[in-house]
Amino acid sequence: MINKLSSEIHRNAVEKGFYAEQRNLGEMLCLIHSEVSEALEADRNDRYAPSDVGPILELDDAHFKTAFEDNVKNTFEDELADILIRVMDLAGYKQVDLEKHIVAKMRYNAQRIAKHGKKY
């Protein structure tokens, strides 16, 4: 599922022109970081989406766009989605099997000590 989403996200980014020129890995990583900062700002400004966006997803395209902009855009949840979209786009670009790497890392982390032996 994750790899399928990564491929779809990357394909969309290519179609929207984000790969018309050679991409810079450092820039791509910084853009992920910028989304993390935007999530922090959304939280600091108490901007959260409704707990159930299901009804918004069921709207036709014309009404969806307006409802999304009015209720979800620039919220904490929206920025978390942006983080994952940028990470998954990068994984698609670099042809990383993100699904297997997540499973492997989760298995590794499950075997680590509390807080991985650190203060926080």
C-alpha atoms as a PDB file:
ATOM      1  CA  MET A   1       0.000   0.000   0.000  1.00  0.00           C
ATOM      2  CA  ILE A   2       2.751   2.468   0.956  1.00  0.00           C
ATOM      3  CA  ASN A   3       4.796   1.757  -2.172  1.00  0.00           C
ATOM      4  CA  LYS A   4       1.685   2.125  -4.324  1.00  0.00           C
ATOM      5  CA  LEU A   5       0.972   5.532  -2.750  1.00  0.00           C
ATOM      6  CA  SER A   6       4.630   6.555  -3.192  1.00  0.00           C
ATOM      7  CA  SER A   7       4.453   5.694  -6.887  1.00  0.00           C
ATOM      8  CA  GLU A   8       1.167   7.571  -7.302  1.00  0.00           C
ATOM      9  CA  ILE A   9       2.483  10.618  -5.437  1.00  0.00           C
ATOM     10  CA  HIS A  10       5.700  10.649  -7.461  1.00  0.00           C
ATOM     11  CA  ARG A  11       3.811  10.216 -10.751  1.00  0.00           C
ATOM     12  CA  ASN A  12       1.599  13.195  -9.831  1.00  0.00           C
ATOM     13  CA  ALA A  13       4.658  15.320  -8.982  1.00  0.00           C
ATOM     14  CA  VAL A  14       6.189  14.462 -12.359  1.00  0.00           C
ATOM     15  CA  GLU A  15       2.924  15.308 -14.138  1.00  0.00           C
ATOM     16  CA  LYS A  16       2.725  18.649 -12.289  1.00  0.00           C
ATOM     17  CA  GLY A  17       6.210  19.621 -13.495  1.00  0.00           C
ATOM     18  CA  PHE A  18       8.227  19.167 -10.304  1.00  0.00           C
ATOM     19  CA  TYR A  19      10.703  16.992 -12.200  1.00  0.00           C
ATOM     20  CA  ALA A  20      11.019  19.061 -15.377  1.00  0.00           C
ATOM     21  CA  GLU A  21      14.587  19.756 -14.266  1.00  0.00           C
ATOM     22  CA  GLN A  22      17.049  17.655 -12.275  1.00  0.00           C
ATOM     23  CA  ARG A  23      16.063  17.550  -8.583  1.00  0.00           C
ATOM     24  CA  ASN A  24      18.485  18.395  -5.811  1.00  0.00           C
ATOM     25  CA  LEU A  25      18.369  15.898  -2.921  1.00  0.00           C
ATOM     26  CA  GLY A  26      19.321  18.541  -0.352  1.00  0.00           C
ATOM     27  CA  GLU A  27      16.501  20.786  -1.525  1.00  0.00           C
ATOM     28  CA  MET A  28      14.035  17.910  -1.382  1.00  0.00           C
ATOM     29  CA  LEU A  29      15.055  17.111   2.198  1.00  0.00           C
ATOM     30  CA  CYS A  30      14.795  20.781   3.178  1.00  0.00           C
ATOM     31  CA  LEU A  31      11.290  20.920   1.726  1.00  0.00           C
ATOM     32  CA  ILE A  32      10.340  17.995   3.983  1.00  0.00           C
ATOM     33  CA  HIS A  33      11.742  19.970   6.898  1.00  0.00           C
ATOM     34  CA  SER A  34       9.761  23.045   5.859  1.00  0.00           C
ATOM     35  CA  GLU A  35       6.555  21.008   6.065  1.00  0.00           C
ATOM     36  CA  VAL A  36       7.546  19.914   9.586  1.00  0.00           C
ATOM     37  CA  SER A  37       7.970  23.596  10.506  1.00  0.00           C
ATOM     38  CA  GLU A  38       4.557  24.375   9.018  1.00  0.00           C
ATOM     39  CA  ALA A  39       3.028  21.599  11.152  1.00  0.00           C
ATOM     40  CA  LEU A  40       4.634  23.173  14.218  1.00  0.00           C
ATOM     41  CA  GLU A  41       3.208  26.586  13.307  1.00  0.00           C
ATOM     42  CA  ALA A  42      -0.252  25.111  12.737  1.00  0.00           C
ATOM     43  CA  ASP A  43      -0.119  23.600  16.222  1.00  0.00           C
ATOM     44  CA  ARG A  44       1.195  26.826  17.745  1.00  0.00           C
ATOM     45  CA  ASN A  45      -1.754  28.668  16.165  1.00  0.00           C
ATOM     46  CA  ASP A  46      -4.215  25.941  17.188  1.00  0.00           C
ATOM     47  CA  ARG A  47      -5.159  25.225  13.562  1.00  0.00           C
ATOM     48  CA  TYR A  48      -6.679  21.754  13.451  1.00  0.00           C
ATOM     49  CA  ALA A  49      -8.953  20.105  10.923  1.00  0.00           C
ATOM     50  CA  PRO A  50     -12.301  18.597  11.874  1.00  0.00           C
ATOM     51  CA  SER A  51     -11.843  15.132  13.376  1.00  0.00           C
ATOM     52  CA  ASP A  52     -13.795  13.540  10.526  1.00  0.00           C
ATOM     53  CA  VAL A  53     -13.004  14.761   7.026  1.00  0.00           C
ATOM     54  CA  GLY A  54     -14.943  11.857   5.502  1.00  0.00           C
ATOM     55  CA  PRO A  55     -17.901  14.031   4.502  1.00  0.00           C
ATOM     56  CA  ILE A  56     -15.541  16.463   2.727  1.00  0.00           C
ATOM     57  CA  LEU A  57     -14.001  13.590   0.762  1.00  0.00           C
ATOM     58  CA  GLU A  58     -17.427  12.603  -0.533  1.00  0.00           C
ATOM     59  CA  LEU A  59     -18.117  15.977  -2.154  1.00  0.00           C
ATOM     60  CA  ASP A  60     -17.819  16.489  -5.907  1.00  0.00           C
ATOM     61  CA  ASP A  61     -14.597  18.205  -7.041  1.00  0.00           C
ATOM     62  CA  ALA A  62     -16.040  21.736  -7.202  1.00  0.00           C
ATOM     63  CA  HIS A  63     -17.398  21.587  -3.647  1.00  0.00           C
ATOM     64  CA  PHE A  64     -14.481  19.536  -2.302  1.00  0.00           C
ATOM     65  CA  LYS A  65     -11.918  22.230  -3.148  1.00  0.00           C
ATOM     66  CA  THR A  66     -13.845  24.947  -1.301  1.00  0.00           C
ATOM     67  CA  ALA A  67     -14.607  22.724   1.708  1.00  0.00           C
ATOM     68  CA  PHE A  68     -10.974  21.607   1.870  1.00  0.00           C
ATOM     69  CA  GLU A  69      -9.687  25.172   1.750  1.00  0.00           C
ATOM     70  CA  ASP A  70     -12.195  26.292   4.391  1.00  0.00           C
ATOM     71  CA  ASN A  71     -11.702  23.380   6.815  1.00  0.00           C
ATOM     72  CA  VAL A  72      -8.430  21.552   6.208  1.00  0.00           C
ATOM     73  CA  LYS A  73      -5.868  23.687   4.340  1.00  0.00           C
ATOM     74  CA  ASN A  74      -2.903  24.778   6.494  1.00  0.00           C
ATOM     75  CA  THR A  75      -4.031  22.772   9.510  1.00  0.00           C
ATOM     76  CA  PHE A  76      -1.782  20.478  11.527  1.00  0.00           C
ATOM     77  CA  GLU A  77      -3.262  17.442   9.796  1.00  0.00           C
ATOM     78  CA  ASP A  78      -2.784  19.009   6.364  1.00  0.00           C
ATOM     79  CA  GLU A  79       0.878  19.688   7.111  1.00  0.00           C
ATOM     80  CA  LEU A  80       1.410  16.125   8.388  1.00  0.00           C
ATOM     81  CA  ALA A  81      -0.016  14.904   5.091  1.00  0.00           C
ATOM     82  CA  ASP A  82       2.370  17.234   3.238  1.00  0.00           C
ATOM     83  CA  ILE A  83       5.312  15.754   5.160  1.00  0.00           C
ATOM     84  CA  LEU A  84       4.351  12.238   4.140  1.00  0.00           C
ATOM     85  CA  ILE A  85       3.639  13.264   0.557  1.00  0.00           C
ATOM     86  CA  ARG A  86       7.095  14.814   0.232  1.00  0.00           C
ATOM     87  CA  VAL A  87       8.755  11.786   1.870  1.00  0.00           C
ATOM     88  CA  MET A  88       6.838   9.393  -0.361  1.00  0.00           C
ATOM     89  CA  ASP A  89       7.628  11.444  -3.460  1.00  0.00           C
ATOM     90  CA  LEU A  90      11.317  11.266  -2.566  1.00  0.00           C
ATOM     91  CA  ALA A  91      11.026   7.506  -1.996  1.00  0.00           C
ATOM     92  CA  GLY A  92       9.364   7.137  -5.394  1.00  0.00           C
ATOM     93  CA  TYR A  93      12.044   9.266  -7.043  1.00  0.00           C
ATOM     94  CA  LYS A  94      14.880   7.291  -5.434  1.00  0.00           C
ATOM     95  CA  GLN A  95      13.003   3.985  -5.914  1.00  0.00           C
ATOM     96  CA  VAL A  96      13.157   3.168  -2.208  1.00  0.00           C
ATOM     97  CA  ASP A  97      10.997   0.253  -1.068  1.00  0.00           C
ATOM     98  CA  LEU A  98       9.616   2.374   1.750  1.00  0.00           C
ATOM     99  CA  GLU A  99       7.197  -0.306   2.901  1.00  0.00           C
ATOM    100  CA  LYS A 100       9.944  -2.845   3.626  1.00  0.00           C
ATOM    101  CA  HIS A 101      12.185  -0.232   5.205  1.00  0.00           C
ATOM    102  CA  ILE A 102       9.412   0.884   7.559  1.00  0.00           C
ATOM    103  CA  VAL A 103       8.683  -2.714   8.575  1.00  0.00           C
ATOM    104  CA  ALA A 104      12.402  -3.393   9.099  1.00  0.00           C
ATOM    105  CA  LYS A 105      12.873  -0.231  11.172  1.00  0.00           C
ATOM    106  CA  MET A 106       9.790  -0.944  13.284  1.00  0.00           C
ATOM    107  CA  ARG A 107      11.102  -4.445  13.990  1.00  0.00           C
ATOM    108  CA  TYR A 108      14.497  -3.027  14.926  1.00  0.00           C
ATOM    109  CA  ASN A 109      12.963  -0.336  17.172  1.00  0.00           C
ATOM    110  CA  ALA A 110      10.818  -2.947  18.945  1.00  0.00           C
ATOM    111  CA  GLN A 111      14.028  -4.601  20.125  1.00  0.00           C
ATOM    112  CA  ARG A 112      15.609  -1.411  21.469  1.00  0.00           C
ATOM    113  CA  ILE A 113      15.613  -0.311  25.093  1.00  0.00           C
ATOM    114  CA  ALA A 114      13.345   2.441  26.451  1.00  0.00           C
ATOM    115  CA  LYS A 115      13.945   5.789  24.732  1.00  0.00           C
ATOM    116  CA  HIS A 116      16.713   3.989  22.868  1.00  0.00           C
ATOM    117  CA  GLY A 117      18.964   4.584  25.882  1.00  0.00           C
ATOM    118  CA  LYS A 118      18.719   8.346  25.669  1.00  0.00           C
ATOM    119  CA  LYS A 119      17.336  11.052  27.946  1.00  0.00           C
ATOM    120  CA  TYR A 120      14.566  11.991  25.475  1.00  0.00           C
END
